[in-house]
Amino acid sequence: MHDGHGDINEETGKPEIIHDYNKTKSGVDTVDQKCSVASTARNTRRWPLALFFRFLDIAGVNSHIIYVANNMSSYDYQNFRRLPFLQRLAINLLEEHLEERAKVKSVPKDIQHFLAKYRNEDVSSITQGKNLPRSGACHACGTRKNNKTTVRCSLCTRFVCKKHCTYIIKCHSCQNSESSEASMED
């Protein structure tokens, strides 16, 4: 743009290239400031990951700018800051995954309580009104092997280790009773 002429401003004694830079640098500073408010960056030694975090921050700023530009008439500047916008954006992007995750029966109870709203199920149906301990020995292994687990059978709610359960968490005895009932019906 300046073609290396080195024109100097007589008032300040600085080159014109410095004045042009100072006029246009505010956009970069504003983006850096907005990115620092809600940054996804984590300490890492891998430069591709550092670039990914930076791109994610800039994408958040850009998405907020696009949303404001598209909704200028109904935009409430006082109640709609960038941080709540990013939180709602993240939840909306995760919603499909959360609905799929809510169908899995083997997630821990505290996560099941969080996911209950995505399953359209009452939270009380998860614990079925019982005050159950969080962990215990696998009923198939017994206490001899000391296999502590937090996973329960979805039918009888007994503790079961990974070795003695199926994909849908059921102990072998419940699985066998279902298969024997199915064979009797045939």
N, C-alpha and C. Protein backbone atom coordinates (compact mmCIF):
# COMPACT_ATOMS: atom_id res chain seq x y z
N MET A 1 0.82 -1.19 0.00
CA MET A 1 0.00 0.00 0.00
C MET A 1 0.87 1.26 0.00
N HIS A 2 1.95 1.23 0.73
CA HIS A 2 2.80 2.43 0.85
C HIS A 2 3.98 2.40 -0.12
N ASP A 3 4.23 1.27 -0.72
CA ASP A 3 5.28 1.12 -1.73
C ASP A 3 6.66 1.57 -1.26
N GLY A 4 6.89 1.54 0.04
CA GLY A 4 8.22 1.84 0.57
C GLY A 4 8.68 3.27 0.39
N HIS A 5 7.73 4.22 0.22
CA HIS A 5 8.13 5.61 0.04
C HIS A 5 8.69 6.22 1.31
N GLY A 6 8.21 5.82 2.46
CA GLY A 6 8.71 6.36 3.72
C GLY A 6 8.29 7.80 3.96
N ASP A 7 7.06 8.17 3.54
CA ASP A 7 6.57 9.52 3.82
C ASP A 7 6.45 9.72 5.32
N ILE A 8 6.84 10.89 5.78
CA ILE A 8 6.84 11.19 7.22
C ILE A 8 5.84 12.31 7.48
N ASN A 9 5.03 12.10 8.51
CA ASN A 9 4.08 13.12 8.94
C ASN A 9 4.85 14.23 9.63
N GLU A 10 4.64 15.49 9.18
CA GLU A 10 5.40 16.60 9.73
C GLU A 10 4.99 16.96 11.15
N GLU A 11 3.73 16.70 11.52
CA GLU A 11 3.25 17.06 12.86
C GLU A 11 3.86 16.17 13.93
N THR A 12 3.91 14.88 13.67
CA THR A 12 4.38 13.94 14.70
C THR A 12 5.80 13.43 14.44
N GLY A 13 6.25 13.52 13.23
CA GLY A 13 7.57 13.01 12.90
C GLY A 13 7.60 11.50 12.69
N LYS A 14 6.41 10.87 12.63
CA LYS A 14 6.33 9.42 12.42
C LYS A 14 6.03 9.14 10.96
N PRO A 15 6.47 7.98 10.48
CA PRO A 15 6.15 7.61 9.09
C PRO A 15 4.64 7.38 8.93
N GLU A 16 4.15 7.59 7.72
CA GLU A 16 2.72 7.40 7.41
C GLU A 16 2.28 5.96 7.65
N ILE A 17 3.17 5.03 7.43
CA ILE A 17 2.82 3.62 7.62
C ILE A 17 2.44 3.35 9.08
N ILE A 18 3.09 4.03 10.02
CA ILE A 18 2.77 3.88 11.45
C ILE A 18 1.39 4.48 11.73
N HIS A 19 1.08 5.62 11.15
CA HIS A 19 -0.24 6.24 11.34
C HIS A 19 -1.35 5.35 10.79
N ASP A 20 -1.14 4.78 9.61
CA ASP A 20 -2.15 3.89 9.03
C ASP A 20 -2.35 2.64 9.90
N TYR A 21 -1.27 2.12 10.42
CA TYR A 21 -1.38 0.95 11.30
C TYR A 21 -2.17 1.31 12.55
N ASN A 22 -1.87 2.43 13.17
CA ASN A 22 -2.56 2.83 14.39
C ASN A 22 -4.04 3.10 14.15
N LYS A 23 -4.42 3.55 12.95
CA LYS A 23 -5.83 3.79 12.64
C LYS A 23 -6.60 2.48 12.52
N THR A 24 -5.96 1.44 12.00
CA THR A 24 -6.68 0.20 11.69
C THR A 24 -6.44 -0.93 12.70
N LYS A 25 -5.60 -0.76 13.68
CA LYS A 25 -5.30 -1.86 14.60
C LYS A 25 -6.39 -2.11 15.62
N SER A 26 -7.34 -1.21 15.76
CA SER A 26 -8.36 -1.37 16.81
C SER A 26 -9.22 -2.60 16.58
N GLY A 27 -9.42 -3.02 15.34
CA GLY A 27 -10.22 -4.22 15.07
C GLY A 27 -9.58 -5.46 15.65
N VAL A 28 -8.27 -5.60 15.51
CA VAL A 28 -7.56 -6.76 16.06
C VAL A 28 -7.61 -6.73 17.58
N ASP A 29 -7.42 -5.53 18.16
CA ASP A 29 -7.47 -5.41 19.61
C ASP A 29 -8.85 -5.73 20.16
N THR A 30 -9.89 -5.32 19.45
CA THR A 30 -11.26 -5.61 19.88
C THR A 30 -11.54 -7.11 19.84
N VAL A 31 -11.11 -7.77 18.78
CA VAL A 31 -11.31 -9.23 18.68
C VAL A 31 -10.54 -9.93 19.80
N ASP A 32 -9.30 -9.51 20.06
CA ASP A 32 -8.53 -10.11 21.14
C ASP A 32 -9.22 -9.92 22.49
N GLN A 33 -9.78 -8.74 22.70
CA GLN A 33 -10.48 -8.47 23.96
C GLN A 33 -11.72 -9.35 24.08
N LYS A 34 -12.51 -9.47 23.01
CA LYS A 34 -13.70 -10.30 23.05
C LYS A 34 -13.35 -11.78 23.22
N CYS A 35 -12.26 -12.21 22.62
CA CYS A 35 -11.84 -13.61 22.77
C CYS A 35 -11.38 -13.91 24.19
N SER A 36 -10.80 -12.93 24.85
CA SER A 36 -10.28 -13.17 26.20
C SER A 36 -11.39 -13.27 27.24
N VAL A 37 -12.57 -12.72 26.95
CA VAL A 37 -13.68 -12.78 27.91
C VAL A 37 -14.15 -14.22 28.11
N ALA A 38 -14.30 -14.97 27.03
CA ALA A 38 -14.74 -16.36 27.12
C ALA A 38 -13.87 -17.18 26.19
N SER A 39 -12.70 -17.54 26.66
CA SER A 39 -11.74 -18.24 25.82
C SER A 39 -11.83 -19.75 26.02
N THR A 40 -11.62 -20.48 24.95
CA THR A 40 -11.58 -21.93 25.02
C THR A 40 -10.15 -22.44 25.14
N ALA A 41 -9.19 -21.54 25.12
CA ALA A 41 -7.77 -21.93 25.10
C ALA A 41 -7.38 -22.68 26.37
N ARG A 42 -6.56 -23.69 26.19
CA ARG A 42 -5.98 -24.47 27.28
C ARG A 42 -4.49 -24.54 27.07
N ASN A 43 -3.76 -24.77 28.13
CA ASN A 43 -2.31 -24.91 27.99
C ASN A 43 -2.00 -26.17 27.19
N THR A 44 -1.22 -26.01 26.16
CA THR A 44 -0.86 -27.15 25.33
C THR A 44 0.50 -26.90 24.70
N ARG A 45 1.19 -27.98 24.42
CA ARG A 45 2.47 -27.89 23.73
C ARG A 45 2.32 -28.17 22.24
N ARG A 46 1.14 -28.54 21.84
CA ARG A 46 0.89 -28.87 20.44
C ARG A 46 0.33 -27.66 19.72
N TRP A 47 1.05 -27.16 18.75
CA TRP A 47 0.64 -25.93 18.08
C TRP A 47 -0.65 -26.09 17.28
N PRO A 48 -0.96 -27.26 16.68
CA PRO A 48 -2.25 -27.35 15.99
C PRO A 48 -3.44 -27.19 16.94
N LEU A 49 -3.28 -27.70 18.16
CA LEU A 49 -4.34 -27.57 19.14
C LEU A 49 -4.49 -26.12 19.58
N ALA A 50 -3.37 -25.40 19.72
CA ALA A 50 -3.42 -23.97 20.08
C ALA A 50 -4.13 -23.18 18.97
N LEU A 51 -3.87 -23.52 17.71
CA LEU A 51 -4.55 -22.85 16.61
C LEU A 51 -6.05 -23.18 16.61
N PHE A 52 -6.39 -24.43 16.91
CA PHE A 52 -7.80 -24.82 16.97
C PHE A 52 -8.53 -24.00 18.03
N PHE A 53 -7.93 -23.85 19.22
CA PHE A 53 -8.56 -23.06 20.27
C PHE A 53 -8.75 -21.61 19.82
N ARG A 54 -7.76 -21.06 19.15
CA ARG A 54 -7.85 -19.68 18.67
C ARG A 54 -8.95 -19.54 17.62
N PHE A 55 -9.02 -20.49 16.68
CA PHE A 55 -10.07 -20.45 15.66
C PHE A 55 -11.45 -20.58 16.29
N LEU A 56 -11.57 -21.41 17.33
CA LEU A 56 -12.84 -21.58 18.02
C LEU A 56 -13.27 -20.28 18.70
N ASP A 57 -12.32 -19.57 19.32
CA ASP A 57 -12.62 -18.28 19.94
C ASP A 57 -13.09 -17.27 18.90
N ILE A 58 -12.39 -17.20 17.79
CA ILE A 58 -12.75 -16.24 16.74
C ILE A 58 -14.10 -16.62 16.12
N ALA A 59 -14.38 -17.91 15.98
CA ALA A 59 -15.68 -18.35 15.46
C ALA A 59 -16.80 -17.92 16.40
N GLY A 60 -16.56 -17.96 17.71
CA GLY A 60 -17.56 -17.50 18.67
C GLY A 60 -17.83 -16.01 18.53
N VAL A 61 -16.78 -15.22 18.35
CA VAL A 61 -16.95 -13.77 18.15
C VAL A 61 -17.70 -13.52 16.84
N ASN A 62 -17.32 -14.20 15.78
CA ASN A 62 -17.97 -14.01 14.49
C ASN A 62 -19.43 -14.42 14.51
N SER A 63 -19.75 -15.53 15.18
CA SER A 63 -21.15 -15.97 15.25
C SER A 63 -21.99 -14.97 16.01
N HIS A 64 -21.43 -14.36 17.05
CA HIS A 64 -22.18 -13.34 17.80
C HIS A 64 -22.42 -12.11 16.92
N ILE A 65 -21.42 -11.70 16.17
CA ILE A 65 -21.57 -10.55 15.29
C ILE A 65 -22.63 -10.82 14.22
N ILE A 66 -22.62 -12.01 13.65
CA ILE A 66 -23.61 -12.36 12.63
C ILE A 66 -25.01 -12.40 13.23
N TYR A 67 -25.14 -12.94 14.44
CA TYR A 67 -26.45 -12.99 15.09
C TYR A 67 -26.98 -11.58 15.34
N VAL A 68 -26.12 -10.70 15.83
CA VAL A 68 -26.55 -9.33 16.09
C VAL A 68 -26.95 -8.64 14.78
N ALA A 69 -26.18 -8.85 13.71
CA ALA A 69 -26.50 -8.22 12.43
C ALA A 69 -27.83 -8.73 11.87
N ASN A 70 -28.14 -10.00 12.06
CA ASN A 70 -29.38 -10.56 11.53
C ASN A 70 -30.59 -10.24 12.39
N ASN A 71 -30.38 -9.95 13.66
CA ASN A 71 -31.49 -9.69 14.58
C ASN A 71 -31.40 -8.30 15.18
N MET A 72 -31.04 -7.32 14.38
CA MET A 72 -30.81 -5.98 14.88
C MET A 72 -32.06 -5.36 15.49
N SER A 73 -33.24 -5.61 14.92
CA SER A 73 -34.45 -4.97 15.42
C SER A 73 -34.88 -5.53 16.77
N SER A 74 -34.70 -6.83 16.99
CA SER A 74 -35.15 -7.44 18.25
C SER A 74 -34.01 -7.67 19.23
N TYR A 75 -32.87 -7.10 18.98
CA TYR A 75 -31.70 -7.35 19.82
C TYR A 75 -31.73 -6.47 21.05
N ASP A 76 -31.59 -7.07 22.22
CA ASP A 76 -31.56 -6.35 23.50
C ASP A 76 -30.12 -6.29 23.98
N TYR A 77 -29.50 -5.14 23.86
CA TYR A 77 -28.08 -5.00 24.18
C TYR A 77 -27.79 -5.21 25.66
N GLN A 78 -28.73 -4.89 26.52
CA GLN A 78 -28.47 -5.00 27.96
C GLN A 78 -28.52 -6.45 28.44
N ASN A 79 -29.48 -7.22 27.94
CA ASN A 79 -29.69 -8.58 28.45
C ASN A 79 -29.04 -9.66 27.60
N PHE A 80 -28.47 -9.29 26.48
CA PHE A 80 -27.92 -10.31 25.59
C PHE A 80 -26.44 -10.06 25.37
N ARG A 81 -25.65 -10.47 26.30
CA ARG A 81 -24.21 -10.31 26.19
C ARG A 81 -23.63 -11.51 25.44
N ARG A 82 -22.35 -11.44 25.13
CA ARG A 82 -21.72 -12.48 24.33
C ARG A 82 -21.56 -13.79 25.09
N LEU A 83 -21.26 -13.75 26.38
CA LEU A 83 -21.05 -14.98 27.15
C LEU A 83 -22.30 -15.85 27.22
N PRO A 84 -23.48 -15.31 27.60
CA PRO A 84 -24.68 -16.16 27.56
C PRO A 84 -25.01 -16.65 26.14
N PHE A 85 -24.70 -15.83 25.14
CA PHE A 85 -24.92 -16.27 23.76
C PHE A 85 -24.08 -17.51 23.46
N LEU A 86 -22.81 -17.50 23.87
CA LEU A 86 -21.93 -18.64 23.62
C LEU A 86 -22.39 -19.87 24.40
N GLN A 87 -22.90 -19.67 25.60
CA GLN A 87 -23.40 -20.81 26.37
C GLN A 87 -24.62 -21.43 25.70
N ARG A 88 -25.54 -20.60 25.23
CA ARG A 88 -26.71 -21.13 24.53
C ARG A 88 -26.31 -21.80 23.22
N LEU A 89 -25.34 -21.21 22.53
CA LEU A 89 -24.85 -21.80 21.28
C LEU A 89 -24.25 -23.18 21.54
N ALA A 90 -23.46 -23.31 22.60
CA ALA A 90 -22.84 -24.60 22.92
C ALA A 90 -23.89 -25.65 23.27
N ILE A 91 -24.88 -25.28 24.06
CA ILE A 91 -25.94 -26.23 24.42
C ILE A 91 -26.74 -26.63 23.18
N ASN A 92 -27.03 -25.67 22.30
CA ASN A 92 -27.77 -26.00 21.08
C ASN A 92 -26.98 -26.93 20.17
N LEU A 93 -25.67 -26.74 20.11
CA LEU A 93 -24.84 -27.63 19.29
C LEU A 93 -24.73 -29.02 19.92
N LEU A 94 -24.80 -29.11 21.23
CA LEU A 94 -24.67 -30.39 21.93
C LEU A 94 -25.99 -31.13 22.09
N GLU A 95 -27.11 -30.48 21.82
CA GLU A 95 -28.41 -31.05 22.14
C GLU A 95 -28.65 -32.42 21.51
N GLU A 96 -28.30 -32.58 20.25
CA GLU A 96 -28.50 -33.88 19.58
C GLU A 96 -27.68 -34.98 20.26
N HIS A 97 -26.43 -34.65 20.62
CA HIS A 97 -25.59 -35.63 21.32
C HIS A 97 -26.16 -35.95 22.70
N LEU A 98 -26.67 -34.93 23.40
CA LEU A 98 -27.23 -35.16 24.73
C LEU A 98 -28.47 -36.05 24.66
N GLU A 99 -29.29 -35.89 23.62
CA GLU A 99 -30.46 -36.76 23.46
C GLU A 99 -30.04 -38.20 23.25
N GLU A 100 -28.99 -38.43 22.45
CA GLU A 100 -28.49 -39.79 22.24
C GLU A 100 -27.89 -40.34 23.53
N ARG A 101 -27.14 -39.52 24.24
CA ARG A 101 -26.49 -39.96 25.48
C ARG A 101 -27.52 -40.27 26.56
N ALA A 102 -28.66 -39.57 26.53
CA ALA A 102 -29.70 -39.80 27.52
C ALA A 102 -30.33 -41.18 27.38
N LYS A 103 -30.22 -41.80 26.20
CA LYS A 103 -30.79 -43.13 25.98
C LYS A 103 -29.94 -44.23 26.59
N VAL A 104 -28.68 -43.94 26.90
CA VAL A 104 -27.77 -44.94 27.45
C VAL A 104 -28.09 -45.13 28.93
N LYS A 105 -28.30 -46.36 29.33
CA LYS A 105 -28.70 -46.65 30.70
C LYS A 105 -27.52 -46.75 31.66
N SER A 106 -26.30 -46.86 31.15
CA SER A 106 -25.17 -47.15 32.02
C SER A 106 -24.41 -45.91 32.49
N VAL A 107 -24.93 -44.71 32.24
CA VAL A 107 -24.23 -43.52 32.71
C VAL A 107 -24.46 -43.35 34.20
N PRO A 108 -23.55 -42.71 34.92
CA PRO A 108 -23.72 -42.51 36.36
C PRO A 108 -24.99 -41.73 36.70
N LYS A 109 -25.47 -41.91 37.93
CA LYS A 109 -26.75 -41.33 38.35
C LYS A 109 -26.76 -39.81 38.26
N ASP A 110 -25.68 -39.15 38.63
CA ASP A 110 -25.68 -37.69 38.58
C ASP A 110 -25.81 -37.18 37.15
N ILE A 111 -25.21 -37.88 36.21
CA ILE A 111 -25.34 -37.49 34.80
C ILE A 111 -26.73 -37.83 34.29
N GLN A 112 -27.32 -38.92 34.78
CA GLN A 112 -28.68 -39.28 34.40
C GLN A 112 -29.66 -38.20 34.85
N HIS A 113 -29.43 -37.62 36.02
CA HIS A 113 -30.30 -36.54 36.49
C HIS A 113 -30.21 -35.35 35.55
N PHE A 114 -29.00 -35.02 35.10
CA PHE A 114 -28.82 -33.91 34.17
C PHE A 114 -29.48 -34.21 32.83
N LEU A 115 -29.35 -35.44 32.35
CA LEU A 115 -29.86 -35.81 31.03
C LEU A 115 -31.35 -36.12 31.01
N ALA A 116 -32.00 -36.16 32.17
CA ALA A 116 -33.42 -36.52 32.23
C ALA A 116 -34.28 -35.58 31.40
N LYS A 117 -33.93 -34.30 31.34
CA LYS A 117 -34.74 -33.36 30.56
C LYS A 117 -34.64 -33.62 29.06
N TYR A 118 -33.57 -34.26 28.60
CA TYR A 118 -33.43 -34.60 27.19
C TYR A 118 -34.11 -35.91 26.85
N ARG A 119 -34.43 -36.69 27.88
CA ARG A 119 -35.09 -37.97 27.68
C ARG A 119 -36.60 -37.82 27.85
N ASN A 120 -37.07 -36.63 28.24
CA ASN A 120 -38.47 -36.37 28.53
C ASN A 120 -39.01 -37.35 29.56
N GLU A 121 -38.25 -37.49 30.63
CA GLU A 121 -38.60 -38.44 31.67
C GLU A 121 -38.47 -37.74 33.01
N ASP A 122 -39.27 -38.14 33.95
CA ASP A 122 -39.21 -37.56 35.29
C ASP A 122 -37.94 -38.02 35.98
N VAL A 123 -37.29 -37.12 36.71
CA VAL A 123 -36.03 -37.44 37.37
C VAL A 123 -36.24 -38.49 38.46
N SER A 124 -37.40 -38.50 39.08
CA SER A 124 -37.65 -39.47 40.15
C SER A 124 -37.72 -40.90 39.62
N SER A 125 -38.02 -41.07 38.34
CA SER A 125 -38.08 -42.42 37.79
C SER A 125 -36.70 -43.05 37.64
N ILE A 126 -35.66 -42.23 37.69
CA ILE A 126 -34.31 -42.77 37.58
C ILE A 126 -33.95 -43.57 38.83
N THR A 127 -34.21 -42.99 39.97
CA THR A 127 -33.87 -43.69 41.22
C THR A 127 -35.03 -44.53 41.72
N GLN A 128 -36.22 -44.37 41.16
CA GLN A 128 -37.41 -45.13 41.51
C GLN A 128 -37.71 -45.05 42.99
N GLY A 129 -37.46 -43.88 43.58
CA GLY A 129 -37.82 -43.65 44.97
C GLY A 129 -36.94 -44.36 45.97
N LYS A 130 -35.88 -44.99 45.55
CA LYS A 130 -35.02 -45.74 46.47
C LYS A 130 -33.81 -44.90 46.83
N ASN A 131 -33.36 -45.03 48.04
CA ASN A 131 -32.13 -44.37 48.47
C ASN A 131 -31.02 -45.41 48.38
N LEU A 132 -30.44 -45.54 47.20
CA LEU A 132 -29.49 -46.61 46.90
C LEU A 132 -28.06 -46.14 47.10
N PRO A 133 -27.18 -47.03 47.55
CA PRO A 133 -25.76 -46.65 47.66
C PRO A 133 -25.15 -46.42 46.29
N ARG A 134 -24.09 -45.62 46.24
CA ARG A 134 -23.48 -45.26 44.96
C ARG A 134 -22.62 -46.37 44.38
N SER A 135 -22.03 -47.21 45.21
CA SER A 135 -21.17 -48.28 44.69
C SER A 135 -21.32 -49.52 45.57
N GLY A 136 -20.87 -50.64 45.01
CA GLY A 136 -20.94 -51.89 45.75
C GLY A 136 -20.22 -52.99 44.98
N ALA A 137 -20.19 -54.16 45.59
CA ALA A 137 -19.52 -55.31 44.96
C ALA A 137 -20.43 -55.92 43.91
N CYS A 138 -19.82 -56.43 42.86
CA CYS A 138 -20.57 -57.11 41.81
C CYS A 138 -21.24 -58.34 42.41
N HIS A 139 -22.53 -58.51 42.14
CA HIS A 139 -23.26 -59.64 42.73
C HIS A 139 -22.81 -60.97 42.15
N ALA A 140 -22.31 -60.98 40.92
CA ALA A 140 -21.87 -62.23 40.29
C ALA A 140 -20.49 -62.64 40.81
N CYS A 141 -19.61 -61.66 41.01
CA CYS A 141 -18.27 -61.96 41.51
C CYS A 141 -18.29 -62.24 43.01
N GLY A 142 -19.21 -61.59 43.71
CA GLY A 142 -19.25 -61.72 45.16
C GLY A 142 -18.21 -60.81 45.81
N THR A 143 -18.12 -60.91 47.12
CA THR A 143 -17.19 -60.04 47.85
C THR A 143 -15.78 -60.60 47.86
N ARG A 144 -15.60 -61.86 47.44
CA ARG A 144 -14.26 -62.46 47.45
C ARG A 144 -13.31 -61.71 46.54
N LYS A 145 -13.76 -61.35 45.34
CA LYS A 145 -12.88 -60.69 44.38
C LYS A 145 -12.80 -59.19 44.58
N ASN A 146 -13.67 -58.64 45.42
CA ASN A 146 -13.66 -57.23 45.76
C ASN A 146 -13.78 -56.35 44.52
N ASN A 147 -14.67 -56.73 43.61
CA ASN A 147 -14.93 -55.93 42.42
C ASN A 147 -15.95 -54.85 42.75
N LYS A 148 -15.47 -53.68 43.13
CA LYS A 148 -16.36 -52.55 43.40
C LYS A 148 -16.77 -51.92 42.08
N THR A 149 -18.04 -51.54 41.96
CA THR A 149 -18.54 -50.93 40.74
C THR A 149 -19.67 -49.96 41.07
N THR A 150 -19.92 -49.03 40.18
CA THR A 150 -21.05 -48.11 40.33
C THR A 150 -22.15 -48.42 39.33
N VAL A 151 -21.93 -49.40 38.45
CA VAL A 151 -22.89 -49.76 37.41
C VAL A 151 -23.91 -50.73 37.98
N ARG A 152 -25.18 -50.48 37.66
CA ARG A 152 -26.26 -51.33 38.15
C ARG A 152 -26.99 -51.98 36.99
N CYS A 153 -27.58 -53.12 37.26
CA CYS A 153 -28.45 -53.78 36.30
C CYS A 153 -29.70 -52.91 36.15
N SER A 154 -30.14 -52.69 34.93
CA SER A 154 -31.29 -51.83 34.71
C SER A 154 -32.61 -52.49 35.13
N LEU A 155 -32.61 -53.80 35.32
CA LEU A 155 -33.84 -54.49 35.72
C LEU A 155 -33.93 -54.71 37.22
N CYS A 156 -32.88 -55.29 37.82
CA CYS A 156 -32.95 -55.62 39.24
C CYS A 156 -32.16 -54.65 40.12
N THR A 157 -31.47 -53.70 39.56
CA THR A 157 -30.67 -52.66 40.23
C THR A 157 -29.56 -53.21 41.12
N ARG A 158 -29.14 -54.48 40.90
CA ARG A 158 -27.97 -54.99 41.62
C ARG A 158 -26.71 -54.50 40.93
N PHE A 159 -25.64 -54.37 41.71
CA PHE A 159 -24.37 -53.96 41.12
C PHE A 159 -23.81 -55.06 40.24
N VAL A 160 -23.20 -54.67 39.13
CA VAL A 160 -22.64 -55.64 38.20
C VAL A 160 -21.37 -55.03 37.57
N CYS A 161 -20.31 -55.82 37.50
CA CYS A 161 -19.05 -55.33 36.92
C CYS A 161 -19.11 -55.43 35.40
N LYS A 162 -18.11 -54.88 34.73
CA LYS A 162 -18.08 -54.89 33.26
C LYS A 162 -17.99 -56.31 32.70
N LYS A 163 -17.35 -57.19 33.46
CA LYS A 163 -17.17 -58.57 33.00
C LYS A 163 -18.50 -59.32 32.96
N HIS A 164 -19.43 -58.95 33.83
CA HIS A 164 -20.68 -59.69 33.97
C HIS A 164 -21.90 -58.92 33.45
N CYS A 165 -21.72 -57.96 32.58
CA CYS A 165 -22.88 -57.23 32.07
C CYS A 165 -22.87 -57.22 30.55
N THR A 166 -24.02 -56.90 29.99
CA THR A 166 -24.16 -56.77 28.55
C THR A 166 -24.13 -55.29 28.20
N TYR A 167 -24.29 -54.95 26.90
CA TYR A 167 -24.23 -53.55 26.47
C TYR A 167 -25.31 -52.73 27.18
N ILE A 168 -26.55 -53.21 27.16
CA ILE A 168 -27.59 -52.61 27.99
C ILE A 168 -27.39 -53.25 29.35
N ILE A 169 -27.15 -52.47 30.34
CA ILE A 169 -26.66 -53.00 31.61
C ILE A 169 -27.70 -53.91 32.25
N LYS A 170 -27.40 -55.20 32.18
CA LYS A 170 -28.19 -56.24 32.83
C LYS A 170 -27.21 -57.28 33.35
N CYS A 171 -27.50 -57.81 34.52
CA CYS A 171 -26.65 -58.87 35.02
C CYS A 171 -26.97 -60.15 34.24
N HIS A 172 -26.09 -61.13 34.31
CA HIS A 172 -26.27 -62.35 33.54
C HIS A 172 -27.55 -63.09 33.93
N SER A 173 -27.92 -63.06 35.20
CA SER A 173 -29.12 -63.79 35.61
C SER A 173 -30.38 -63.16 35.01
N CYS A 174 -30.45 -61.83 34.95
CA CYS A 174 -31.60 -61.17 34.31
C CYS A 174 -31.60 -61.42 32.81
N GLN A 175 -30.43 -61.41 32.20
CA GLN A 175 -30.30 -61.67 30.77
C GLN A 175 -30.75 -63.10 30.45
N ASN A 176 -30.32 -64.07 31.31
CA ASN A 176 -30.70 -65.46 31.09
C ASN A 176 -32.18 -65.68 31.31
N SER A 177 -32.76 -65.00 32.30
CA SER A 177 -34.20 -65.17 32.55
C SER A 177 -35.01 -64.62 31.38
N GLU A 178 -34.56 -63.51 30.75
CA GLU A 178 -35.25 -62.98 29.59
C GLU A 178 -35.15 -63.95 28.41
N SER A 179 -33.96 -64.53 28.21
CA SER A 179 -33.79 -65.44 27.07
C SER A 179 -34.58 -66.73 27.29
N SER A 180 -34.71 -67.19 28.56
CA SER A 180 -35.49 -68.40 28.79
C SER A 180 -36.99 -68.13 28.62
N GLU A 181 -37.42 -66.92 28.99
CA GLU A 181 -38.84 -66.55 28.77
C GLU A 181 -39.12 -66.46 27.28
N ALA A 182 -38.19 -65.92 26.50
CA ALA A 182 -38.39 -65.80 25.06
C ALA A 182 -38.44 -67.17 24.39
N SER A 183 -37.63 -68.12 24.89
CA SER A 183 -37.63 -69.46 24.30
C SER A 183 -38.91 -70.22 24.65
N MET A 184 -39.51 -69.91 25.82
CA MET A 184 -40.76 -70.57 26.19
C MET A 184 -41.92 -70.09 25.34
N GLU A 185 -41.87 -68.84 24.92
CA GLU A 185 -42.95 -68.27 24.12
C GLU A 185 -42.96 -68.86 22.71
N ASP A 186 -41.77 -69.27 22.20
CA ASP A 186 -41.69 -69.84 20.85
C ASP A 186 -42.18 -71.23 20.86
